[in-house]
PDB file of N, CA and C in Angstrom:
ATOM      1  N   MET A   1       6.722 -65.774  40.981  1.00  0.00           N
ATOM      2  CA  MET A   1       6.195 -64.298  40.268  1.00  0.00           C
ATOM      3  C   MET A   1       4.923 -64.348  40.299  1.00  0.00           C
ATOM      4  N   LYS A   2       4.571 -63.423  40.729  1.00  0.00           N
ATOM      5  CA  LYS A   2       3.278 -63.031  40.501  1.00  0.00           C
ATOM      6  C   LYS A   2       2.683 -61.814  39.447  1.00  0.00           C
ATOM      7  N   ILE A   3       1.741 -61.826  38.646  1.00  0.00           N
ATOM      8  CA  ILE A   3       1.499 -60.936  37.479  1.00  0.00           C
ATOM      9  C   ILE A   3       0.191 -60.374  38.171  1.00  0.00           C
ATOM     10  N   HIS A   4       0.076 -58.915  38.216  1.00  0.00           N
ATOM     11  CA  HIS A   4      -1.015 -58.366  38.795  1.00  0.00           C
ATOM     12  C   HIS A   4      -1.878 -57.568  37.636  1.00  0.00           C
ATOM     13  N   LYS A   5      -2.682 -57.665  37.033  1.00  0.00           N
ATOM     14  CA  LYS A   5      -3.383 -57.395  36.038  1.00  0.00           C
ATOM     15  C   LYS A   5      -4.425 -56.238  36.596  1.00  0.00           C
ATOM     16  N   ILE A   6      -4.077 -54.801  36.205  1.00  0.00           N
ATOM     17  CA  ILE A   6      -5.070 -53.885  36.107  1.00  0.00           C
ATOM     18  C   ILE A   6      -5.747 -52.871  34.964  1.00  0.00           C
ATOM     19  N   GLN A   7      -6.846 -53.030  34.915  1.00  0.00           N
ATOM     20  CA  GLN A   7      -7.673 -52.137  33.993  1.00  0.00           C
ATOM     21  C   GLN A   7      -7.461 -50.652  34.206  1.00  0.00           C
ATOM     22  N   VAL A   8      -7.282 -49.598  33.371  1.00  0.00           N
ATOM     23  CA  VAL A   8      -6.398 -48.268  33.784  1.00  0.00           C
ATOM     24  C   VAL A   8      -7.506 -47.404  32.515  1.00  0.00           C
ATOM     25  N   GLY A   9      -7.561 -46.324  33.120  1.00  0.00           N
ATOM     26  CA  GLY A   9      -8.025 -45.258  32.297  1.00  0.00           C
ATOM     27  C   GLY A   9      -9.170 -45.295  31.641  1.00  0.00           C
ATOM     28  N   MET A  10     -10.000 -44.699  30.854  1.00  0.00           N
ATOM     29  CA  MET A  10     -11.217 -44.364  30.238  1.00  0.00           C
ATOM     30  C   MET A  10     -11.489 -45.534  29.215  1.00  0.00           C
ATOM     31  N   LEU A  11     -10.432 -46.178  28.710  1.00  0.00           N
ATOM     32  CA  LEU A  11     -10.471 -47.302  27.789  1.00  0.00           C
ATOM     33  C   LEU A  11     -10.313 -48.312  28.190  1.00  0.00           C
ATOM     34  N   GLY A  12      -9.991 -48.830  29.283  1.00  0.00           N
ATOM     35  CA  GLY A  12      -9.667 -50.107  30.303  1.00  0.00           C
ATOM     36  C   GLY A  12      -8.336 -50.841  29.543  1.00  0.00           C
ATOM     37  N   THR A  13      -7.541 -49.757  29.681  1.00  0.00           N
ATOM     38  CA  THR A  13      -6.389 -50.511  28.757  1.00  0.00           C
ATOM     39  C   THR A  13      -5.559 -51.455  30.285  1.00  0.00           C
ATOM     40  N   ASN A  14      -4.902 -52.808  29.944  1.00  0.00           N
ATOM     41  CA  ASN A  14      -4.281 -53.215  30.617  1.00  0.00           C
ATOM     42  C   ASN A  14      -3.149 -53.079  31.338  1.00  0.00           C
ATOM     43  N   CYS A  15      -2.970 -52.960  32.393  1.00  0.00           N
ATOM     44  CA  CYS A  15      -1.561 -52.425  32.963  1.00  0.00           C
ATOM     45  C   CYS A  15      -1.055 -53.627  33.573  1.00  0.00           C
ATOM     46  N   TYR A  16       0.225 -54.152  33.752  1.00  0.00           N
ATOM     47  CA  TYR A  16       0.478 -55.222  34.553  1.00  0.00           C
ATOM     48  C   TYR A  16       1.451 -54.746  35.527  1.00  0.00           C
ATOM     49  N   ILE A  17       1.655 -55.171  36.688  1.00  0.00           N
ATOM     50  CA  ILE A  17       2.653 -55.453  37.606  1.00  0.00           C
ATOM     51  C   ILE A  17       2.993 -56.900  38.037  1.00  0.00           C
ATOM     52  N   ILE A  18       4.346 -56.902  37.836  1.00  0.00           N
ATOM     53  CA  ILE A  18       5.169 -58.175  37.796  1.00  0.00           C
ATOM     54  C   ILE A  18       5.802 -58.331  38.950  1.00  0.00           C
ATOM     55  N   GLY A  19       5.999 -59.038  39.555  1.00  0.00           N
ATOM     56  CA  GLY A  19       6.800 -59.177  40.947  1.00  0.00           C
ATOM     57  C   GLY A  19       6.020 -59.935  42.073  1.00  0.00           C
ATOM     58  N   ASP A  20       7.299 -60.301  43.063  1.00  0.00           N
ATOM     59  CA  ASP A  20       6.834 -60.707  44.056  1.00  0.00           C
ATOM     60  C   ASP A  20       7.098 -60.019  45.618  1.00  0.00           C
ATOM     61  N   THR A  21       6.458 -60.414  46.484  1.00  0.00           N
ATOM     62  CA  THR A  21       6.640 -59.822  47.722  1.00  0.00           C
ATOM     63  C   THR A  21       7.699 -59.538  48.108  1.00  0.00           C
ATOM     64  N   GLY A  22       8.128 -58.289  48.303  1.00  0.00           N
ATOM     65  CA  GLY A  22       9.801 -57.800  49.110  1.00  0.00           C
ATOM     66  C   GLY A  22      10.827 -58.166  47.764  1.00  0.00           C
ATOM     67  N   GLU A  23      10.343 -58.071  46.634  1.00  0.00           N
ATOM     68  CA  GLU A  23      11.318 -58.360  45.503  1.00  0.00           C
ATOM     69  C   GLU A  23      11.055 -57.007  44.338  1.00  0.00           C
ATOM     70  N   GLU A  24      11.891 -56.832  43.622  1.00  0.00           N
ATOM     71  CA  GLU A  24      11.964 -56.314  42.412  1.00  0.00           C
ATOM     72  C   GLU A  24      11.064 -56.416  41.418  1.00  0.00           C
ATOM     73  N   GLY A  25      10.173 -55.444  40.975  1.00  0.00           N
ATOM     74  CA  GLY A  25       9.320 -55.812  39.921  1.00  0.00           C
ATOM     75  C   GLY A  25       9.257 -54.881  38.805  1.00  0.00           C
ATOM     76  N   VAL A  26       8.719 -54.938  37.702  1.00  0.00           N
ATOM     77  CA  VAL A  26       8.069 -54.161  36.725  1.00  0.00           C
ATOM     78  C   VAL A  26       6.684 -53.697  36.359  1.00  0.00           C
ATOM     79  N   ILE A  27       6.457 -52.420  36.092  1.00  0.00           N
ATOM     80  CA  ILE A  27       5.385 -52.025  35.636  1.00  0.00           C
ATOM     81  C   ILE A  27       4.951 -51.709  34.567  1.00  0.00           C
ATOM     82  N   ILE A  28       4.253 -52.487  33.619  1.00  0.00           N
ATOM     83  CA  ILE A  28       3.715 -52.643  32.328  1.00  0.00           C
ATOM     84  C   ILE A  28       2.884 -51.373  31.545  1.00  0.00           C
ATOM     85  N   ASP A  29       3.004 -50.804  30.571  1.00  0.00           N
ATOM     86  CA  ASP A  29       1.842 -49.668  30.087  1.00  0.00           C
ATOM     87  C   ASP A  29       1.084 -49.205  31.260  1.00  0.00           C
ATOM     88  N   PRO A  30       1.499 -48.184  32.061  1.00  0.00           N
ATOM     89  CA  PRO A  30       0.746 -47.726  33.209  1.00  0.00           C
ATOM     90  C   PRO A  30       0.066 -46.532  32.084  1.00  0.00           C
ATOM     91  N   GLY A  31      -1.033 -47.030  31.838  1.00  0.00           N
ATOM     92  CA  GLY A  31      -1.940 -45.937  30.838  1.00  0.00           C
ATOM     93  C   GLY A  31      -2.619 -44.858  31.765  1.00  0.00           C
ATOM     94  N   ALA A  32      -2.845 -44.944  32.872  1.00  0.00           N
ATOM     95  CA  ALA A  32      -3.588 -43.720  33.861  1.00  0.00           C
ATOM     96  C   ALA A  32      -3.525 -44.508  35.001  1.00  0.00           C
ATOM     97  N   ASN A  33      -4.374 -43.853  35.861  1.00  0.00           N
ATOM     98  CA  ASN A  33      -4.915 -44.217  37.238  1.00  0.00           C
ATOM     99  C   ASN A  33      -3.572 -44.685  38.113  1.00  0.00           C
ATOM    100  N   ALA A  34      -2.565 -43.412  38.413  1.00  0.00           N
ATOM    101  CA  ALA A  34      -1.255 -43.708  39.053  1.00  0.00           C
ATOM    102  C   ALA A  34      -1.773 -43.941  40.337  1.00  0.00           C
ATOM    103  N   GLU A  35      -2.220 -43.566  41.205  1.00  0.00           N
ATOM    104  CA  GLU A  35      -2.896 -43.871  42.212  1.00  0.00           C
ATOM    105  C   GLU A  35      -3.233 -45.074  42.551  1.00  0.00           C
ATOM    106  N   ILE A  36      -4.023 -45.799  41.719  1.00  0.00           N
ATOM    107  CA  ILE A  36      -4.329 -47.213  41.808  1.00  0.00           C
ATOM    108  C   ILE A  36      -3.075 -48.223  41.695  1.00  0.00           C
ATOM    109  N   ILE A  37      -2.217 -47.929  40.843  1.00  0.00           N
ATOM    110  CA  ILE A  37      -1.103 -48.674  40.501  1.00  0.00           C
ATOM    111  C   ILE A  37      -0.414 -48.721  41.587  1.00  0.00           C
ATOM    112  N   LYS A  38      -0.319 -47.399  42.253  1.00  0.00           N
ATOM    113  CA  LYS A  38       0.838 -47.493  43.315  1.00  0.00           C
ATOM    114  C   LYS A  38       0.169 -48.307  44.709  1.00  0.00           C
ATOM    115  N   LYS A  39      -1.125 -48.076  44.746  1.00  0.00           N
ATOM    116  CA  LYS A  39      -2.030 -48.631  45.627  1.00  0.00           C
ATOM    117  C   LYS A  39      -1.342 -50.338  45.491  1.00  0.00           C
ATOM    118  N   VAL A  40      -1.660 -50.589  44.112  1.00  0.00           N
ATOM    119  CA  VAL A  40      -1.324 -52.349  44.375  1.00  0.00           C
ATOM    120  C   VAL A  40       0.256 -52.762  44.453  1.00  0.00           C
ATOM    121  N   ILE A  41       0.968 -51.929  44.142  1.00  0.00           N
ATOM    122  CA  ILE A  41       2.519 -52.176  44.632  1.00  0.00           C
ATOM    123  C   ILE A  41       2.789 -51.948  45.921  1.00  0.00           C
ATOM    124  N   LYS A  42       2.010 -51.031  46.831  1.00  0.00           N
ATOM    125  CA  LYS A  42       2.175 -51.104  48.134  1.00  0.00           C
ATOM    126  C   LYS A  42       1.473 -52.075  48.925  1.00  0.00           C
ATOM    127  N   SER A  43       0.520 -52.504  48.225  1.00  0.00           N
ATOM    128  CA  SER A  43      -0.305 -53.225  49.010  1.00  0.00           C
ATOM    129  C   SER A  43       0.560 -54.861  48.945  1.00  0.00           C
ATOM    130  N   GLU A  44       0.689 -55.134  47.703  1.00  0.00           N
ATOM    131  CA  GLU A  44       1.703 -56.413  47.073  1.00  0.00           C
ATOM    132  C   GLU A  44       3.080 -56.548  47.606  1.00  0.00           C
ATOM    133  N   GLY A  45       3.633 -55.165  48.459  1.00  0.00           N
ATOM    134  CA  GLY A  45       4.772 -54.972  48.852  1.00  0.00           C
ATOM    135  C   GLY A  45       5.968 -55.036  47.657  1.00  0.00           C
ATOM    136  N   ILE A  46       5.713 -54.481  46.553  1.00  0.00           N
ATOM    137  CA  ILE A  46       6.782 -54.997  45.357  1.00  0.00           C
ATOM    138  C   ILE A  46       7.768 -53.534  45.208  1.00  0.00           C
ATOM    139  N   ILE A  47       8.919 -53.890  44.956  1.00  0.00           N
ATOM    140  CA  ILE A  47       9.752 -52.769  44.852  1.00  0.00           C
ATOM    141  C   ILE A  47       9.849 -52.458  43.281  1.00  0.00           C
ATOM    142  N   PRO A  48       9.242 -51.496  43.025  1.00  0.00           N
ATOM    143  CA  PRO A  48       9.364 -51.323  41.391  1.00  0.00           C
ATOM    144  C   PRO A  48      10.966 -50.758  40.647  1.00  0.00           C
ATOM    145  N   LYS A  49      11.152 -51.774  39.786  1.00  0.00           N
ATOM    146  CA  LYS A  49      12.801 -51.584  39.404  1.00  0.00           C
ATOM    147  C   LYS A  49      12.470 -50.763  37.809  1.00  0.00           C
ATOM    148  N   GLU A  50      11.537 -51.036  37.226  1.00  0.00           N
ATOM    149  CA  GLU A  50      11.567 -49.941  35.861  1.00  0.00           C
ATOM    150  C   GLU A  50      10.142 -50.108  35.278  1.00  0.00           C
ATOM    151  N   ILE A  51       9.803 -49.173  34.108  1.00  0.00           N
ATOM    152  CA  ILE A  51       8.608 -49.277  33.607  1.00  0.00           C
ATOM    153  C   ILE A  51       8.865 -49.783  32.054  1.00  0.00           C
ATOM    154  N   LEU A  52       7.895 -50.476  31.729  1.00  0.00           N
ATOM    155  CA  LEU A  52       7.967 -51.094  30.313  1.00  0.00           C
ATOM    156  C   LEU A  52       7.041 -50.786  29.466  1.00  0.00           C
ATOM    157  N   LEU A  53       7.097 -50.279  28.294  1.00  0.00           N
ATOM    158  CA  LEU A  53       6.170 -49.653  27.325  1.00  0.00           C
ATOM    159  C   LEU A  53       5.937 -50.728  25.980  1.00  0.00           C
ATOM    160  N   THR A  54       4.815 -51.275  25.618  1.00  0.00           N
ATOM    161  CA  THR A  54       4.872 -52.127  24.564  1.00  0.00           C
ATOM    162  C   THR A  54       4.609 -51.224  23.285  1.00  0.00           C
ATOM    163  N   HIS A  55       4.076 -50.187  23.678  1.00  0.00           N
ATOM    164  CA  HIS A  55       4.163 -49.006  22.533  1.00  0.00           C
ATOM    165  C   HIS A  55       3.824 -47.398  23.180  1.00  0.00           C
ATOM    166  N   GLY A  56       3.975 -46.464  22.445  1.00  0.00           N
ATOM    167  CA  GLY A  56       3.620 -45.120  23.206  1.00  0.00           C
ATOM    168  C   GLY A  56       2.350 -44.424  23.117  1.00  0.00           C
ATOM    169  N   HIS A  57       1.566 -45.257  22.484  1.00  0.00           N
ATOM    170  CA  HIS A  57      -0.194 -44.397  22.536  1.00  0.00           C
ATOM    171  C   HIS A  57      -0.397 -44.161  23.816  1.00  0.00           C
ATOM    172  N   PHE A  58      -1.133 -42.976  24.039  1.00  0.00           N
ATOM    173  CA  PHE A  58      -1.496 -42.313  25.290  1.00  0.00           C
ATOM    174  C   PHE A  58      -2.173 -43.024  26.076  1.00  0.00           C
ATOM    175  N   ASP A  59      -3.266 -43.866  25.839  1.00  0.00           N
ATOM    176  CA  ASP A  59      -3.696 -45.380  26.811  1.00  0.00           C
ATOM    177  C   ASP A  59      -2.634 -46.182  27.161  1.00  0.00           C
ATOM    178  N   HIS A  60      -1.310 -46.213  26.923  1.00  0.00           N
ATOM    179  CA  HIS A  60      -0.465 -46.724  27.574  1.00  0.00           C
ATOM    180  C   HIS A  60       0.628 -46.168  28.261  1.00  0.00           C
ATOM    181  N   ILE A  61       0.608 -44.563  28.250  1.00  0.00           N
ATOM    182  CA  ILE A  61       1.794 -44.029  28.704  1.00  0.00           C
ATOM    183  C   ILE A  61       1.192 -42.832  29.888  1.00  0.00           C
ATOM    184  N   GLY A  62      -0.021 -42.698  30.171  1.00  0.00           N
ATOM    185  CA  GLY A  62      -0.534 -41.874  30.910  1.00  0.00           C
ATOM    186  C   GLY A  62       0.004 -41.428  32.491  1.00  0.00           C
ATOM    187  N   ALA A  63       0.243 -42.660  32.847  1.00  0.00           N
ATOM    188  CA  ALA A  63       0.765 -42.536  34.241  1.00  0.00           C
ATOM    189  C   ALA A  63       2.152 -42.614  34.316  1.00  0.00           C
ATOM    190  N   VAL A  64       3.138 -42.791  33.181  1.00  0.00           N
ATOM    191  CA  VAL A  64       4.711 -43.241  33.421  1.00  0.00           C
ATOM    192  C   VAL A  64       5.041 -41.835  34.308  1.00  0.00           C
ATOM    193  N   ARG A  65       5.080 -40.510  34.004  1.00  0.00           N
ATOM    194  CA  ARG A  65       5.946 -39.542  34.537  1.00  0.00           C
ATOM    195  C   ARG A  65       5.649 -39.620  36.217  1.00  0.00           C
ATOM    196  N   GLU A  66       4.388 -39.883  36.729  1.00  0.00           N
ATOM    197  CA  GLU A  66       3.920 -39.777  37.984  1.00  0.00           C
ATOM    198  C   GLU A  66       4.688 -41.357  38.359  1.00  0.00           C
ATOM    199  N   LEU A  67       4.484 -42.112  37.935  1.00  0.00           N
ATOM    200  CA  LEU A  67       5.446 -43.045  38.641  1.00  0.00           C
ATOM    201  C   LEU A  67       6.813 -42.794  38.368  1.00  0.00           C
ATOM    202  N   MET A  68       7.535 -42.563  37.304  1.00  0.00           N
ATOM    203  CA  MET A  68       8.608 -42.533  37.357  1.00  0.00           C
ATOM    204  C   MET A  68       9.545 -41.635  38.601  1.00  0.00           C
ATOM    205  N   GLU A  69       8.543 -40.431  38.845  1.00  0.00           N
ATOM    206  CA  GLU A  69       8.913 -39.403  40.038  1.00  0.00           C
ATOM    207  C   GLU A  69       8.920 -40.201  41.354  1.00  0.00           C
ATOM    208  N   GLU A  70       7.796 -40.931  41.358  1.00  0.00           N
ATOM    209  CA  GLU A  70       7.407 -41.583  42.791  1.00  0.00           C
ATOM    210  C   GLU A  70       8.072 -42.496  42.911  1.00  0.00           C
ATOM    211  N   TYR A  71       8.931 -43.328  42.010  1.00  0.00           N
ATOM    212  CA  TYR A  71       9.977 -44.418  42.515  1.00  0.00           C
ATOM    213  C   TYR A  71      11.194 -43.984  42.225  1.00  0.00           C
ATOM    214  N   GLY A  72      11.803 -43.152  40.866  1.00  0.00           N
ATOM    215  CA  GLY A  72      12.813 -42.939  40.884  1.00  0.00           C
ATOM    216  C   GLY A  72      13.495 -43.991  39.740  1.00  0.00           C
ATOM    217  N   ILE A  73      12.287 -44.280  39.185  1.00  0.00           N
ATOM    218  CA  ILE A  73      12.587 -45.543  38.104  1.00  0.00           C
ATOM    219  C   ILE A  73      12.835 -44.744  36.227  1.00  0.00           C
ATOM    220  N   LYS A  74      13.444 -45.694  35.460  1.00  0.00           N
ATOM    221  CA  LYS A  74      13.496 -45.671  34.041  1.00  0.00           C
ATOM    222  C   LYS A  74      12.332 -46.160  33.347  1.00  0.00           C
ATOM    223  N   VAL A  75      12.202 -45.714  32.320  1.00  0.00           N
ATOM    224  CA  VAL A  75      11.470 -46.714  31.404  1.00  0.00           C
ATOM    225  C   VAL A  75      12.172 -47.092  29.917  1.00  0.00           C
ATOM    226  N   ARG A  76      11.806 -48.313  29.530  1.00  0.00           N
ATOM    227  CA  ARG A  76      12.021 -48.824  28.238  1.00  0.00           C
ATOM    228  C   ARG A  76      11.146 -49.206  27.363  1.00  0.00           C
TER     229      ARG A  76
END
């Protein structure tokens, strides 16, 4: 299982994408920059299953809606 760490947004919040090529994975704290997050998901061949949030501050949830709509996934 691979862990991809991406710094997003003006605060450089850590977003993680966890999963292996061709397998289901999760997105953790997608705070901003949905396009960058989607690019990593596509390039790594990960199939997003859900979004996990550590908490609800703006810098951790900024890209949630776009990713939910793009992949038809839920948030926990």
